[in-house]
Amino acid sequence: MAYGKKVKLWREPNEDGTFDELTEKQIQRIKDRAMNYCMWSLGNASKTRKQLADKMREKNCPDDIAEYTLNRLEEMHLVNDNDYAESFVRSRQYARKGKRKIAQDLRQRGISSDIIETVLEDTDEEDETERARELIEKKLPGTRHLDRQKRVNRLVSNLVRNGYGMGVAFSVVNEALDNEHLEEDEDDE
């Protein structure tokens, strides 16, 4: 929640934390608000079903109305977790993130394991290794003042934080450091 903003709830709980029974007019008003709020939210950026459900829950939207709204949005093809996951994978791969980090981020956004597995199964190991190399090439110059072991530790931990496996991380880092050492030797001659 942003500083200085108060979340405007669609219905207020009683002192004991329960809610009063809603009239038909109130139900329709909350349905309209839920749909408008979701449409506005989707206009800013695509969202998963879980993200929208969480946003409506923050506003004290009844679960049955939230479910109705989410089903309507899916019928209208405005919410599709599979499409969201595919787009997310492409953007994160462009940002040089590894499979593990991408899967973790998708899980946090409420994407099911089946969908995650499906969208990541096309990821090629060679492409993943190449993205790791590109990331290391950007990070390598900033570690030149360190000894080799500290450089390896720092660069490997960076790759692991970005979702690459330990094996890939060590091989890419050692390869980059060896290549850098060879280039320095050639420059000295």
C-alpha atoms as a PDB file:
ATOM      1  CA  MET A   1       0.000   0.000   0.000  1.00  0.00           C
ATOM      2  CA  ALA A   2       1.364   3.412  -0.923  1.00  0.00           C
ATOM      3  CA  TYR A   3       2.205   5.910   1.778  1.00  0.00           C
ATOM      4  CA  GLY A   4      -0.663   8.152   2.707  1.00  0.00           C
ATOM      5  CA  LYS A   5      -3.316   6.108   0.908  1.00  0.00           C
ATOM      6  CA  LYS A   6      -6.071   4.331   2.759  1.00  0.00           C
ATOM      7  CA  VAL A   7      -7.570   1.244   1.173  1.00  0.00           C
ATOM      8  CA  LYS A   8     -11.193   2.010   0.439  1.00  0.00           C
ATOM      9  CA  LEU A   9     -13.146  -1.098   1.361  1.00  0.00           C
ATOM     10  CA  TRP A  10     -16.249  -2.134  -0.484  1.00  0.00           C
ATOM     11  CA  ARG A  11     -17.878  -3.297   2.740  1.00  0.00           C
ATOM     12  CA  GLU A  12     -16.936  -2.764   6.373  1.00  0.00           C
ATOM     13  CA  PRO A  13     -16.775  -5.621   8.887  1.00  0.00           C
ATOM     14  CA  ASN A  14     -18.677  -5.491  12.166  1.00  0.00           C
ATOM     15  CA  GLU A  15     -16.794  -5.123  15.465  1.00  0.00           C
ATOM     16  CA  ASP A  16     -16.580  -8.926  15.799  1.00  0.00           C
ATOM     17  CA  GLY A  17     -15.093  -9.242  12.287  1.00  0.00           C
ATOM     18  CA  THR A  18     -18.206 -10.648  10.622  1.00  0.00           C
ATOM     19  CA  PHE A  19     -20.174  -9.063   7.801  1.00  0.00           C
ATOM     20  CA  ASP A  20     -23.874  -8.218   7.616  1.00  0.00           C
ATOM     21  CA  GLU A  21     -26.066 -10.012   5.097  1.00  0.00           C
ATOM     22  CA  LEU A  22     -26.068  -8.180   1.765  1.00  0.00           C
ATOM     23  CA  THR A  23     -29.180  -7.029  -0.043  1.00  0.00           C
ATOM     24  CA  GLU A  24     -29.633  -7.695  -3.754  1.00  0.00           C
ATOM     25  CA  LYS A  25     -28.833  -4.066  -4.496  1.00  0.00           C
ATOM     26  CA  GLN A  26     -25.584  -4.254  -2.468  1.00  0.00           C
ATOM     27  CA  ILE A  27     -24.622  -7.521  -4.162  1.00  0.00           C
ATOM     28  CA  GLN A  28     -25.112  -5.987  -7.604  1.00  0.00           C
ATOM     29  CA  ARG A  29     -23.151  -2.892  -6.560  1.00  0.00           C
ATOM     30  CA  ILE A  30     -20.210  -5.014  -5.341  1.00  0.00           C
ATOM     31  CA  LYS A  31     -20.333  -7.128  -8.532  1.00  0.00           C
ATOM     32  CA  ASP A  32     -20.130  -3.967 -10.611  1.00  0.00           C
ATOM     33  CA  ARG A  33     -17.295  -2.600  -8.479  1.00  0.00           C
ATOM     34  CA  ALA A  34     -15.407  -5.882  -8.682  1.00  0.00           C
ATOM     35  CA  MET A  35     -15.664  -5.993 -12.464  1.00  0.00           C
ATOM     36  CA  ASN A  36     -14.681  -2.337 -12.851  1.00  0.00           C
ATOM     37  CA  TYR A  37     -11.775  -2.738 -10.436  1.00  0.00           C
ATOM     38  CA  CYS A  38     -10.468  -5.812 -12.244  1.00  0.00           C
ATOM     39  CA  MET A  39     -10.805  -4.143 -15.638  1.00  0.00           C
ATOM     40  CA  TRP A  40      -8.921  -1.109 -14.334  1.00  0.00           C
ATOM     41  CA  SER A  41      -6.253  -3.330 -12.814  1.00  0.00           C
ATOM     42  CA  LEU A  42      -5.853  -5.309 -16.044  1.00  0.00           C
ATOM     43  CA  GLY A  43      -5.541  -2.040 -17.944  1.00  0.00           C
ATOM     44  CA  ASN A  44      -2.367  -1.257 -16.021  1.00  0.00           C
ATOM     45  CA  ALA A  45      -0.721  -4.666 -16.539  1.00  0.00           C
ATOM     46  CA  SER A  46      -1.831  -8.245 -17.107  1.00  0.00           C
ATOM     47  CA  LYS A  47      -2.536 -10.196 -13.938  1.00  0.00           C
ATOM     48  CA  THR A  48      -3.074 -13.771 -12.913  1.00  0.00           C
ATOM     49  CA  ARG A  49      -6.311 -15.064 -11.497  1.00  0.00           C
ATOM     50  CA  LYS A  50      -4.737 -15.275  -8.032  1.00  0.00           C
ATOM     51  CA  GLN A  51      -3.431 -11.704  -8.171  1.00  0.00           C
ATOM     52  CA  LEU A  52      -6.897 -10.375  -8.998  1.00  0.00           C
ATOM     53  CA  ALA A  53      -8.492 -12.538  -6.304  1.00  0.00           C
ATOM     54  CA  ASP A  54      -6.016 -11.186  -3.748  1.00  0.00           C
ATOM     55  CA  LYS A  55      -6.758  -7.609  -4.793  1.00  0.00           C
ATOM     56  CA  MET A  56     -10.501  -8.150  -4.387  1.00  0.00           C
ATOM     57  CA  ARG A  57      -9.964  -9.866  -1.027  1.00  0.00           C
ATOM     58  CA  GLU A  58      -8.109  -6.750   0.184  1.00  0.00           C
ATOM     59  CA  LYS A  59     -11.251  -4.767  -0.570  1.00  0.00           C
ATOM     60  CA  ASN A  60     -13.424  -7.225   1.439  1.00  0.00           C
ATOM     61  CA  CYS A  61     -15.140  -8.541  -1.664  1.00  0.00           C
ATOM     62  CA  PRO A  62     -17.203 -11.653  -0.854  1.00  0.00           C
ATOM     63  CA  ASP A  63     -15.584 -14.839  -2.175  1.00  0.00           C
ATOM     64  CA  ASP A  64     -18.599 -15.840  -4.278  1.00  0.00           C
ATOM     65  CA  ILE A  65     -18.671 -12.446  -6.023  1.00  0.00           C
ATOM     66  CA  ALA A  66     -14.898 -12.573  -6.599  1.00  0.00           C
ATOM     67  CA  GLU A  67     -15.238 -16.061  -8.081  1.00  0.00           C
ATOM     68  CA  TYR A  68     -18.120 -14.916 -10.309  1.00  0.00           C
ATOM     69  CA  THR A  69     -16.092 -11.919 -11.510  1.00  0.00           C
ATOM     70  CA  LEU A  70     -12.997 -14.008 -12.236  1.00  0.00           C
ATOM     71  CA  ASN A  71     -15.044 -16.565 -14.167  1.00  0.00           C
ATOM     72  CA  ARG A  72     -16.597 -13.778 -16.259  1.00  0.00           C
ATOM     73  CA  LEU A  73     -13.146 -12.341 -16.995  1.00  0.00           C
ATOM     74  CA  GLU A  74     -11.944 -15.766 -18.121  1.00  0.00           C
ATOM     75  CA  GLU A  75     -15.019 -16.186 -20.351  1.00  0.00           C
ATOM     76  CA  MET A  76     -14.210 -12.816 -21.916  1.00  0.00           C
ATOM     77  CA  HIS A  77     -10.574 -13.996 -22.422  1.00  0.00           C
ATOM     78  CA  LEU A  78      -9.223 -11.158 -20.295  1.00  0.00           C
ATOM     79  CA  VAL A  79      -7.641 -13.444 -17.692  1.00  0.00           C
ATOM     80  CA  ASN A  80      -5.688 -16.465 -18.854  1.00  0.00           C
ATOM     81  CA  ASP A  81      -2.975 -17.843 -16.586  1.00  0.00           C
ATOM     82  CA  ASN A  82      -1.434 -19.879 -19.400  1.00  0.00           C
ATOM     83  CA  ASP A  83      -0.999 -16.850 -21.679  1.00  0.00           C
ATOM     84  CA  TYR A  84       0.305 -14.838 -18.735  1.00  0.00           C
ATOM     85  CA  ALA A  85       2.884 -17.531 -17.943  1.00  0.00           C
ATOM     86  CA  GLU A  86       4.103 -17.742 -21.546  1.00  0.00           C
ATOM     87  CA  SER A  87       4.519 -13.988 -21.767  1.00  0.00           C
ATOM     88  CA  PHE A  88       6.199 -13.859 -18.360  1.00  0.00           C
ATOM     89  CA  VAL A  89       8.697 -16.575 -19.333  1.00  0.00           C
ATOM     90  CA  ARG A  90       9.668 -14.697 -22.507  1.00  0.00           C
ATOM     91  CA  SER A  91      10.194 -11.428 -20.657  1.00  0.00           C
ATOM     92  CA  ARG A  92      12.189 -13.030 -17.842  1.00  0.00           C
ATOM     93  CA  GLN A  93      14.377 -14.943 -20.268  1.00  0.00           C
ATOM     94  CA  TYR A  94      15.066 -11.675 -22.060  1.00  0.00           C
ATOM     95  CA  ALA A  95      16.127 -10.302 -18.655  1.00  0.00           C
ATOM     96  CA  ARG A  96      18.551 -13.285 -18.401  1.00  0.00           C
ATOM     97  CA  LYS A  97      16.768 -15.104 -15.584  1.00  0.00           C
ATOM     98  CA  GLY A  98      17.165 -18.853 -15.113  1.00  0.00           C
ATOM     99  CA  LYS A  99      14.451 -21.502 -15.099  1.00  0.00           C
ATOM    100  CA  ARG A 100      14.386 -21.837 -11.322  1.00  0.00           C
ATOM    101  CA  LYS A 101      13.887 -18.120 -10.719  1.00  0.00           C
ATOM    102  CA  ILE A 102      11.190 -17.935 -13.388  1.00  0.00           C
ATOM    103  CA  ALA A 103       9.354 -20.928 -11.880  1.00  0.00           C
ATOM    104  CA  GLN A 104       9.588 -19.415  -8.398  1.00  0.00           C
ATOM    105  CA  ASP A 105       8.207 -16.074  -9.597  1.00  0.00           C
ATOM    106  CA  LEU A 106       5.338 -17.804 -11.412  1.00  0.00           C
ATOM    107  CA  ARG A 107       4.472 -19.818  -8.288  1.00  0.00           C
ATOM    108  CA  GLN A 108       4.342 -16.591  -6.269  1.00  0.00           C
ATOM    109  CA  ARG A 109       1.892 -15.191  -8.799  1.00  0.00           C
ATOM    110  CA  GLY A 110      -0.408 -18.172  -8.367  1.00  0.00           C
ATOM    111  CA  ILE A 111       0.347 -20.103 -11.540  1.00  0.00           C
ATOM    112  CA  SER A 112      -0.217 -23.846 -11.187  1.00  0.00           C
ATOM    113  CA  SER A 113       2.688 -26.301 -11.352  1.00  0.00           C
ATOM    114  CA  ASP A 114       1.226 -27.899 -14.483  1.00  0.00           C
ATOM    115  CA  ILE A 115       1.261 -24.625 -16.383  1.00  0.00           C
ATOM    116  CA  ILE A 116       4.769 -23.793 -15.132  1.00  0.00           C
ATOM    117  CA  GLU A 117       6.053 -27.170 -16.259  1.00  0.00           C
ATOM    118  CA  THR A 118       4.409 -26.769 -19.665  1.00  0.00           C
ATOM    119  CA  VAL A 119       5.749 -23.287 -20.410  1.00  0.00           C
ATOM    120  CA  LEU A 120       9.265 -24.120 -19.208  1.00  0.00           C
ATOM    121  CA  GLU A 121       9.600 -27.491 -20.963  1.00  0.00           C
ATOM    122  CA  ASP A 122      10.609 -25.778 -24.224  1.00  0.00           C
ATOM    123  CA  THR A 123      13.514 -24.012 -22.535  1.00  0.00           C
ATOM    124  CA  ASP A 124      16.707 -25.219 -24.139  1.00  0.00           C
ATOM    125  CA  GLU A 125      19.706 -25.948 -21.895  1.00  0.00           C
ATOM    126  CA  GLU A 126      22.065 -24.335 -24.405  1.00  0.00           C
ATOM    127  CA  ASP A 127      19.982 -21.157 -24.459  1.00  0.00           C
ATOM    128  CA  GLU A 128      19.950 -21.121 -20.663  1.00  0.00           C
ATOM    129  CA  THR A 129      23.733 -21.482 -20.565  1.00  0.00           C
ATOM    130  CA  GLU A 130      24.106 -18.705 -23.130  1.00  0.00           C
ATOM    131  CA  ARG A 131      21.912 -16.369 -21.028  1.00  0.00           C
ATOM    132  CA  ALA A 132      24.111 -17.178 -18.022  1.00  0.00           C
ATOM    133  CA  ARG A 133      27.213 -16.311 -20.068  1.00  0.00           C
ATOM    134  CA  GLU A 134      25.692 -12.987 -21.104  1.00  0.00           C
ATOM    135  CA  LEU A 135      24.860 -12.159 -17.489  1.00  0.00           C
ATOM    136  CA  ILE A 136      28.386 -13.012 -16.341  1.00  0.00           C
ATOM    137  CA  GLU A 137      29.955 -10.930 -19.107  1.00  0.00           C
ATOM    138  CA  LYS A 138      28.118  -7.910 -17.687  1.00  0.00           C
ATOM    139  CA  LYS A 139      29.157  -8.676 -14.096  1.00  0.00           C
ATOM    140  CA  LEU A 140      32.762  -9.716 -14.753  1.00  0.00           C
ATOM    141  CA  PRO A 141      34.376  -6.254 -15.020  1.00  0.00           C
ATOM    142  CA  GLY A 142      33.035  -5.205 -11.626  1.00  0.00           C
ATOM    143  CA  THR A 143      34.951  -7.990  -9.900  1.00  0.00           C
ATOM    144  CA  ARG A 144      38.405  -7.501 -11.453  1.00  0.00           C
ATOM    145  CA  HIS A 145      39.818  -6.032  -8.241  1.00  0.00           C
ATOM    146  CA  LEU A 146      39.104  -9.265  -6.312  1.00  0.00           C
ATOM    147  CA  ASP A 147      41.129 -12.457  -6.147  1.00  0.00           C
ATOM    148  CA  ARG A 148      39.903 -15.413  -8.216  1.00  0.00           C
ATOM    149  CA  GLN A 149      38.154 -17.316  -5.393  1.00  0.00           C
ATOM    150  CA  LYS A 150      36.160 -14.266  -4.291  1.00  0.00           C
ATOM    151  CA  ARG A 151      35.260 -13.572  -7.904  1.00  0.00           C
ATOM    152  CA  VAL A 152      34.051 -17.143  -8.382  1.00  0.00           C
ATOM    153  CA  ASN A 153      31.982 -16.988  -5.187  1.00  0.00           C
ATOM    154  CA  ARG A 154      30.438 -13.634  -6.048  1.00  0.00           C
ATOM    155  CA  LEU A 155      29.654 -14.486  -9.676  1.00  0.00           C
ATOM    156  CA  VAL A 156      28.310 -17.977  -8.905  1.00  0.00           C
ATOM    157  CA  SER A 157      26.057 -16.621  -6.147  1.00  0.00           C
ATOM    158  CA  ASN A 158      24.774 -13.993  -8.594  1.00  0.00           C
ATOM    159  CA  LEU A 159      23.862 -16.682 -11.115  1.00  0.00           C
ATOM    160  CA  VAL A 160      22.218 -18.858  -8.457  1.00  0.00           C
ATOM    161  CA  ARG A 161      20.153 -15.876  -7.232  1.00  0.00           C
ATOM    162  CA  ASN A 162      19.037 -15.375 -10.815  1.00  0.00           C
ATOM    163  CA  GLY A 163      17.784 -18.957 -11.059  1.00  0.00           C
ATOM    164  CA  TYR A 164      20.645 -20.909 -12.619  1.00  0.00           C
ATOM    165  CA  GLY A 165      21.785 -24.270 -11.288  1.00  0.00           C
ATOM    166  CA  MET A 166      25.088 -24.638  -9.436  1.00  0.00           C
ATOM    167  CA  GLY A 167      26.617 -26.784 -12.188  1.00  0.00           C
ATOM    168  CA  VAL A 168      25.839 -24.271 -14.897  1.00  0.00           C
ATOM    169  CA  ALA A 169      26.959 -21.407 -12.676  1.00  0.00           C
ATOM    170  CA  PHE A 170      30.361 -22.872 -11.848  1.00  0.00           C
ATOM    171  CA  SER A 171      31.091 -23.945 -15.417  1.00  0.00           C
ATOM    172  CA  VAL A 172      30.101 -20.565 -16.913  1.00  0.00           C
ATOM    173  CA  VAL A 173      32.034 -18.565 -14.303  1.00  0.00           C
ATOM    174  CA  ASN A 174      35.184 -20.670 -14.592  1.00  0.00           C
ATOM    175  CA  GLU A 175      34.983 -20.520 -18.386  1.00  0.00           C
ATOM    176  CA  ALA A 176      34.604 -16.716 -18.312  1.00  0.00           C
ATOM    177  CA  LEU A 177      37.511 -16.279 -15.891  1.00  0.00           C
ATOM    178  CA  ASP A 178      39.734 -18.609 -17.912  1.00  0.00           C
ATOM    179  CA  ASN A 179      38.901 -16.728 -21.124  1.00  0.00           C
ATOM    180  CA  GLU A 180      39.613 -13.428 -19.399  1.00  0.00           C
ATOM    181  CA  HIS A 181      42.979 -14.761 -18.210  1.00  0.00           C
ATOM    182  CA  LEU A 182      43.854 -15.958 -21.727  1.00  0.00           C
ATOM    183  CA  GLU A 183      42.964 -12.574 -23.209  1.00  0.00           C
ATOM    184  CA  GLU A 184      45.193 -10.829 -20.650  1.00  0.00           C
ATOM    185  CA  ASP A 185      48.081 -13.148 -21.562  1.00  0.00           C
ATOM    186  CA  GLU A 186      47.622 -12.367 -25.259  1.00  0.00           C
ATOM    187  CA  ASP A 187      47.590  -8.622 -24.526  1.00  0.00           C
ATOM    188  CA  ASP A 188      50.859  -8.934 -22.567  1.00  0.00           C
ATOM    189  CA  GLU A 189      52.656 -10.509 -25.538  1.00  0.00           C
END
